[in-house]
C-alpha atoms as a PDB file:
ATOM      1  CA  MET A   1     -18.190  -2.376   0.131  1.00  0.00           C
ATOM      2  CA  ILE A   2     -15.615  -0.065  -1.174  1.00  0.00           C
ATOM      3  CA  GLU A   3     -12.839  -0.605  -2.826  1.00  0.00           C
ATOM      4  CA  HIS A   4      -9.709   1.513  -2.774  1.00  0.00           C
ATOM      5  CA  PHE A   5      -6.266   2.266  -3.143  1.00  0.00           C
ATOM      6  CA  ILE A   6      -3.738   5.298  -1.275  1.00  0.00           C
ATOM      7  CA  PHE A   7       0.013   6.465  -2.261  1.00  0.00           C
ATOM      8  CA  SER A   8       0.898  10.057  -1.473  1.00  0.00           C
ATOM      9  CA  VAL A   9       0.980  11.928  -4.525  1.00  0.00           C
ATOM     10  CA  GLU A  10       2.323  15.823  -4.903  1.00  0.00           C
ATOM     11  CA  PHE A  11      -0.720  17.350  -5.548  1.00  0.00           C
ATOM     12  CA  PRO A  12       0.292  21.093  -6.653  1.00  0.00           C
ATOM     13  CA  GLU A  13      -2.237  24.035  -7.845  1.00  0.00           C
ATOM     14  CA  VAL A  14      -4.452  22.821 -10.765  1.00  0.00           C
ATOM     15  CA  THR A  15      -4.145  24.642 -14.140  1.00  0.00           C
ATOM     16  CA  ARG A  16      -5.726  23.528 -17.086  1.00  0.00           C
ATOM     17  CA  SER A  17      -2.163  22.942 -18.733  1.00  0.00           C
ATOM     18  CA  ASP A  18      -1.256  21.160 -15.691  1.00  0.00           C
ATOM     19  CA  ALA A  19      -4.464  18.914 -16.043  1.00  0.00           C
ATOM     20  CA  ALA A  20      -3.248  16.287 -18.609  1.00  0.00           C
ATOM     21  CA  SER A  21       0.020  15.787 -16.642  1.00  0.00           C
ATOM     22  CA  ILE A  22      -2.074  15.415 -13.765  1.00  0.00           C
ATOM     23  CA  LEU A  23      -4.289  12.716 -15.288  1.00  0.00           C
ATOM     24  CA  GLU A  24      -1.372  10.703 -16.495  1.00  0.00           C
ATOM     25  CA  LYS A  25       0.669  10.665 -13.087  1.00  0.00           C
ATOM     26  CA  MET A  26      -2.559   9.019 -11.748  1.00  0.00           C
ATOM     27  CA  LYS A  27      -2.756   7.095 -14.524  1.00  0.00           C
ATOM     28  CA  GLU A  28       1.348   5.899 -14.273  1.00  0.00           C
ATOM     29  CA  ILE A  29       0.255   5.739 -10.449  1.00  0.00           C
ATOM     30  CA  HIS A  30      -3.140   3.858 -10.322  1.00  0.00           C
ATOM     31  CA  ASP A  31      -1.709   1.172 -12.736  1.00  0.00           C
ATOM     32  CA  GLN A  32       1.541   1.204 -10.962  1.00  0.00           C
ATOM     33  CA  GLN A  33      -0.619   0.048  -8.130  1.00  0.00           C
ATOM     34  CA  GLU A  34      -2.421  -2.814  -9.824  1.00  0.00           C
ATOM     35  CA  ASP A  35       0.779  -4.642 -10.918  1.00  0.00           C
ATOM     36  CA  ASN A  36       2.257  -4.314  -7.341  1.00  0.00           C
ATOM     37  CA  CYS A  37      -1.427  -5.597  -6.215  1.00  0.00           C
ATOM     38  CA  ALA A  38      -2.743  -7.825  -8.242  1.00  0.00           C
ATOM     39  CA  HIS A  39      -2.952 -10.672  -5.747  1.00  0.00           C
ATOM     40  CA  SER A  40      -5.925  -9.037  -3.834  1.00  0.00           C
ATOM     41  CA  PRO A  41      -9.129  -7.557  -4.642  1.00  0.00           C
ATOM     42  CA  PHE A  42      -8.370  -4.532  -2.721  1.00  0.00           C
ATOM     43  CA  GLN A  43      -5.371  -1.764  -2.450  1.00  0.00           C
ATOM     44  CA  ARG A  44      -5.955  -1.372   1.386  1.00  0.00           C
ATOM     45  CA  THR A  45      -8.198  -3.315   3.814  1.00  0.00           C
ATOM     46  CA  MET A  46      -8.824  -1.563   7.304  1.00  0.00           C
ATOM     47  CA  ASN A  47     -10.377  -1.720  10.535  1.00  0.00           C
ATOM     48  CA  TRP A  48     -14.018   0.248  10.698  1.00  0.00           C
ATOM     49  CA  THR A  49     -15.959   0.563  13.889  1.00  0.00           C
ATOM     50  CA  PHE A  50     -19.166   2.354  13.491  1.00  0.00           C
ATOM     51  CA  GLU A  51     -21.854   3.186  16.163  1.00  0.00           C
ATOM     52  CA  ASN A  52     -21.090  -0.513  18.229  1.00  0.00           C
ATOM     53  CA  MET A  53     -19.873  -2.642  15.253  1.00  0.00           C
ATOM     54  CA  LYS A  54     -16.248  -3.600  14.518  1.00  0.00           C
ATOM     55  CA  MET A  55     -15.487  -4.574  10.568  1.00  0.00           C
ATOM     56  CA  LEU A  56     -13.000  -4.982   8.323  1.00  0.00           C
ATOM     57  CA  ILE A  57     -13.822  -3.951   4.844  1.00  0.00           C
ATOM     58  CA  GLY A  58     -11.813  -2.775   1.978  1.00  0.00           C
ATOM     59  CA  SER A  59     -11.433   0.264  -0.687  1.00  0.00           C
ATOM     60  CA  ASP A  60     -10.277   1.417  -4.049  1.00  0.00           C
ATOM     61  CA  LEU A  61     -11.082   4.703  -3.275  1.00  0.00           C
ATOM     62  CA  PRO A  62      -8.271   7.191  -4.638  1.00  0.00           C
ATOM     63  CA  ILE A  63      -6.711   9.285  -1.646  1.00  0.00           C
ATOM     64  CA  PHE A  64      -3.647  11.800  -2.476  1.00  0.00           C
ATOM     65  CA  GLY A  65      -1.698  14.202  -0.126  1.00  0.00           C
ATOM     66  CA  ASP A  66       0.227  16.573   0.220  1.00  0.00           C
ATOM     67  CA  GLU A  67       1.406  19.536   3.013  1.00  0.00           C
ATOM     68  CA  LYS A  68      -1.676  21.187   2.640  1.00  0.00           C
ATOM     69  CA  HIS A  69      -3.735  18.707   2.461  1.00  0.00           C
ATOM     70  CA  PRO A  70      -2.616  15.336   3.731  1.00  0.00           C
ATOM     71  CA  ALA A  71      -5.482  13.026   2.507  1.00  0.00           C
ATOM     72  CA  VAL A  72      -7.720  13.873  -0.205  1.00  0.00           C
ATOM     73  CA  SER A  73     -10.045  11.700  -2.015  1.00  0.00           C
ATOM     74  CA  LEU A  74     -10.699  12.293  -5.783  1.00  0.00           C
ATOM     75  CA  ARG A  75     -13.781  12.325  -8.247  1.00  0.00           C
ATOM     76  CA  LEU A  76     -13.834  12.573 -11.548  1.00  0.00           C
ATOM     77  CA  ARG A  77     -17.084  14.598 -12.216  1.00  0.00           C
ATOM     78  CA  ASP A  78     -19.330  15.686 -15.617  1.00  0.00           C
ATOM     79  CA  MET A  79     -19.029  19.344 -15.671  1.00  0.00           C
ATOM     80  CA  ASN A  80     -22.668  18.330 -17.775  1.00  0.00           C
ATOM     81  CA  LYS A  81     -24.774  16.403 -14.877  1.00  0.00           C
ATOM     82  CA  PRO A  82     -25.749  18.023 -11.769  1.00  0.00           C
ATOM     83  CA  ILE A  83     -24.154  15.691  -8.562  1.00  0.00           C
ATOM     84  CA  ASN A  84     -27.519  13.893  -6.981  1.00  0.00           C
ATOM     85  CA  VAL A  85     -28.217  12.801  -3.620  1.00  0.00           C
ATOM     86  CA  LEU A  86     -27.340   9.579  -4.690  1.00  0.00           C
ATOM     87  CA  THR A  87     -23.598  10.804  -5.269  1.00  0.00           C
ATOM     88  CA  GLY A  88     -23.491  13.061  -2.427  1.00  0.00           C
ATOM     89  CA  ILE A  89     -24.382  10.208   0.220  1.00  0.00           C
ATOM     90  CA  ASP A  90     -21.298   7.691  -1.863  1.00  0.00           C
ATOM     91  CA  CYS A  91     -18.628  10.451  -2.085  1.00  0.00           C
ATOM     92  CA  TRP A  92     -19.594  10.636   2.004  1.00  0.00           C
ATOM     93  CA  LEU A  93     -19.793   6.946   3.003  1.00  0.00           C
ATOM     94  CA  ASP A  94     -16.564   7.339   1.080  1.00  0.00           C
ATOM     95  CA  ASN A  95     -14.490   9.093   3.077  1.00  0.00           C
ATOM     96  CA  LEU A  96     -15.961   8.545   6.167  1.00  0.00           C
ATOM     97  CA  MET A  97     -15.029   4.894   6.135  1.00  0.00           C
ATOM     98  CA  CYS A  98     -11.968   5.575   5.057  1.00  0.00           C
ATOM     99  CA  ASN A  99     -11.339   8.485   7.470  1.00  0.00           C
ATOM    100  CA  VAL A 100     -10.892  11.060   4.701  1.00  0.00           C
ATOM    101  CA  PRO A 101     -11.550  15.108   5.769  1.00  0.00           C
ATOM    102  CA  GLU A 102     -11.865  16.771   2.390  1.00  0.00           C
ATOM    103  CA  LEU A 103     -12.812  15.388  -1.042  1.00  0.00           C
ATOM    104  CA  ALA A 104     -11.341  17.314  -4.546  1.00  0.00           C
ATOM    105  CA  MET A 105     -14.312  17.012  -7.068  1.00  0.00           C
ATOM    106  CA  CYS A 106     -13.032  17.353 -10.918  1.00  0.00           C
ATOM    107  CA  TYR A 107     -15.150  18.800 -13.450  1.00  0.00           C
ATOM    108  CA  HIS A 108     -14.787  17.787 -16.431  1.00  0.00           C
ATOM    109  CA  VAL A 109     -16.384  18.168 -20.384  1.00  0.00           C
ATOM    110  CA  ASP A 110     -15.117  15.314 -22.257  1.00  0.00           C
ATOM    111  CA  GLY A 111     -12.328  14.030 -20.166  1.00  0.00           C
ATOM    112  CA  ILE A 112     -11.226  17.759 -19.902  1.00  0.00           C
ATOM    113  CA  VAL A 113     -11.023  18.676 -16.574  1.00  0.00           C
ATOM    114  CA  GLN A 114     -12.800  22.423 -16.791  1.00  0.00           C
ATOM    115  CA  SER A 115     -12.764  23.299 -13.115  1.00  0.00           C
ATOM    116  CA  TYR A 116     -12.085  21.487  -9.398  1.00  0.00           C
ATOM    117  CA  GLU A 117     -13.862  22.043  -5.611  1.00  0.00           C
ATOM    118  CA  ILE A 118     -12.636  20.711  -2.572  1.00  0.00           C
ATOM    119  CA  MET A 119     -14.768  20.820   0.146  1.00  0.00           C
ATOM    120  CA  LYS A 120     -14.928  18.864   3.708  1.00  0.00           C
ATOM    121  CA  THR A 121     -15.930  16.022   4.021  1.00  0.00           C
ATOM    122  CA  GLU A 122     -18.270  17.384   6.927  1.00  0.00           C
ATOM    123  CA  ASP A 123     -19.716  19.925   4.575  1.00  0.00           C
ATOM    124  CA  ILE A 124     -21.165  16.988   1.642  1.00  0.00           C
ATOM    125  CA  PRO A 125     -24.470  16.658   3.121  1.00  0.00           C
ATOM    126  CA  TYR A 126     -25.292  19.839   2.596  1.00  0.00           C
ATOM    127  CA  ARG A 127     -23.453  20.780  -0.460  1.00  0.00           C
ATOM    128  CA  GLU A 128     -25.995  22.118  -2.789  1.00  0.00           C
ATOM    129  CA  GLY A 129     -28.187  19.532  -4.958  1.00  0.00           C
ATOM    130  CA  CYS A 130     -26.892  16.610  -3.157  1.00  0.00           C
ATOM    131  CA  GLN A 131     -28.812  17.670   0.438  1.00  0.00           C
ATOM    132  CA  PHE A 132     -29.273  14.560   2.947  1.00  0.00           C
ATOM    133  CA  PRO A 133     -29.510  13.902   6.335  1.00  0.00           C
ATOM    134  CA  PRO A 134     -26.725  12.635   7.224  1.00  0.00           C
ATOM    135  CA  ASN A 135     -28.188  11.153  11.080  1.00  0.00           C
ATOM    136  CA  VAL A 136     -30.846   9.598   8.715  1.00  0.00           C
ATOM    137  CA  ILE A 137     -27.916   7.448   6.791  1.00  0.00           C
ATOM    138  CA  ARG A 138     -26.437   6.911   9.963  1.00  0.00           C
ATOM    139  CA  ASP A 139     -29.831   5.058  11.242  1.00  0.00           C
ATOM    140  CA  LEU A 140     -30.136   3.626   8.315  1.00  0.00           C
ATOM    141  CA  ALA A 141     -27.081   2.161   7.940  1.00  0.00           C
ATOM    142  CA  THR A 142     -27.020   1.242  11.976  1.00  0.00           C
ATOM    143  CA  ASN A 143     -30.068  -0.961  11.352  1.00  0.00           C
ATOM    144  CA  LEU A 144     -28.640  -2.595   8.117  1.00  0.00           C
ATOM    145  CA  LEU A 145     -25.715  -3.629   9.703  1.00  0.00           C
ATOM    146  CA  SER A 146     -27.221  -4.543  12.780  1.00  0.00           C
ATOM    147  CA  PHE A 147     -29.811  -6.874  10.872  1.00  0.00           C
ATOM    148  CA  LEU A 148     -27.156  -8.316   9.267  1.00  0.00           C
ATOM    149  CA  LYS A 149     -24.623  -8.842  12.148  1.00  0.00           C
ATOM    150  CA  ALA A 150     -27.490 -10.526  13.502  1.00  0.00           C
ATOM    151  CA  ASN A 151     -29.036 -12.454  11.170  1.00  0.00           C
ATOM    152  CA  ALA A 152     -25.351 -13.339   8.615  1.00  0.00           C
ATOM    153  CA  THR A 153     -24.136 -15.797  11.362  1.00  0.00           C
ATOM    154  CA  LYS A 154     -22.461 -18.401   9.424  1.00  0.00           C
ATOM    155  CA  GLU A 155     -18.550 -17.603   7.811  1.00  0.00           C
ATOM    156  CA  GLY A 156     -17.930 -17.961   4.554  1.00  0.00           C
ATOM    157  CA  HIS A 157     -21.430 -17.757   3.167  1.00  0.00           C
ATOM    158  CA  THR A 158     -23.409 -15.875   0.296  1.00  0.00           C
ATOM    159  CA  TYR A 159     -26.110 -14.390   1.345  1.00  0.00           C
ATOM    160  CA  TRP A 160     -29.382 -12.984  -0.533  1.00  0.00           C
ATOM    161  CA  LEU A 161     -31.416 -10.657   1.544  1.00  0.00           C
ATOM    162  CA  PHE A 162     -35.015 -10.241  -0.316  1.00  0.00           C
ATOM    163  CA  LYS A 163     -37.179  -7.634   0.796  1.00  0.00           C
ATOM    164  CA  SER A 164     -41.125  -7.152  -0.427  1.00  0.00           C
ATOM    165  CA  LEU A 165     -43.233  -5.082   0.993  1.00  0.00           C
ATOM    166  CA  PHE A 166     -44.704  -7.422   3.336  1.00  0.00           C
ATOM    167  CA  VAL A 167     -41.813  -9.339   4.257  1.00  0.00           C
ATOM    168  CA  CYS A 168     -37.656  -9.552   4.710  1.00  0.00           C
ATOM    169  CA  ILE A 169     -36.138 -13.094   4.072  1.00  0.00           C
ATOM    170  CA  LEU A 170     -32.107 -13.907   3.829  1.00  0.00           C
ATOM    171  CA  PHE A 171     -31.590 -16.499   1.895  1.00  0.00           C
ATOM    172  CA  CYS A 172     -28.027 -18.262   3.140  1.00  0.00           C
END
């Protein structure tokens, strides 16, 4: 499960000179949110419906917004490392589960923001360098969640899933 927190921040047009103050504001808000929600491992919980399954999830995905972009998730990414398939799937699933329509990818070098890019959630699977077929990911998630729903039936238990080439075993 992912963990996330949600709050509203005025997110002005970003220039390099603004980057330090925005990052400082983000840190202050994060620290304030941690103080306010120290009793819970998640900043936000929600009911999520995926295919025909309903589940309670928790998340700590940072979500910002303003008049032009009411809900945008934020990811910091080292400019020297390309975005790969796993990063793309992670961003896409986080946004889908939290119902966030856009992602702001902030590229940095040694912690200093160099540029940013806002992309629509539905465009993430087709982005150069991290292409993946979203229908295949949905099918895999559906199969996994259906398996867990059918086999992880004892409330309050911890399960261990072991899968080898020839066998799949769920231990309770």
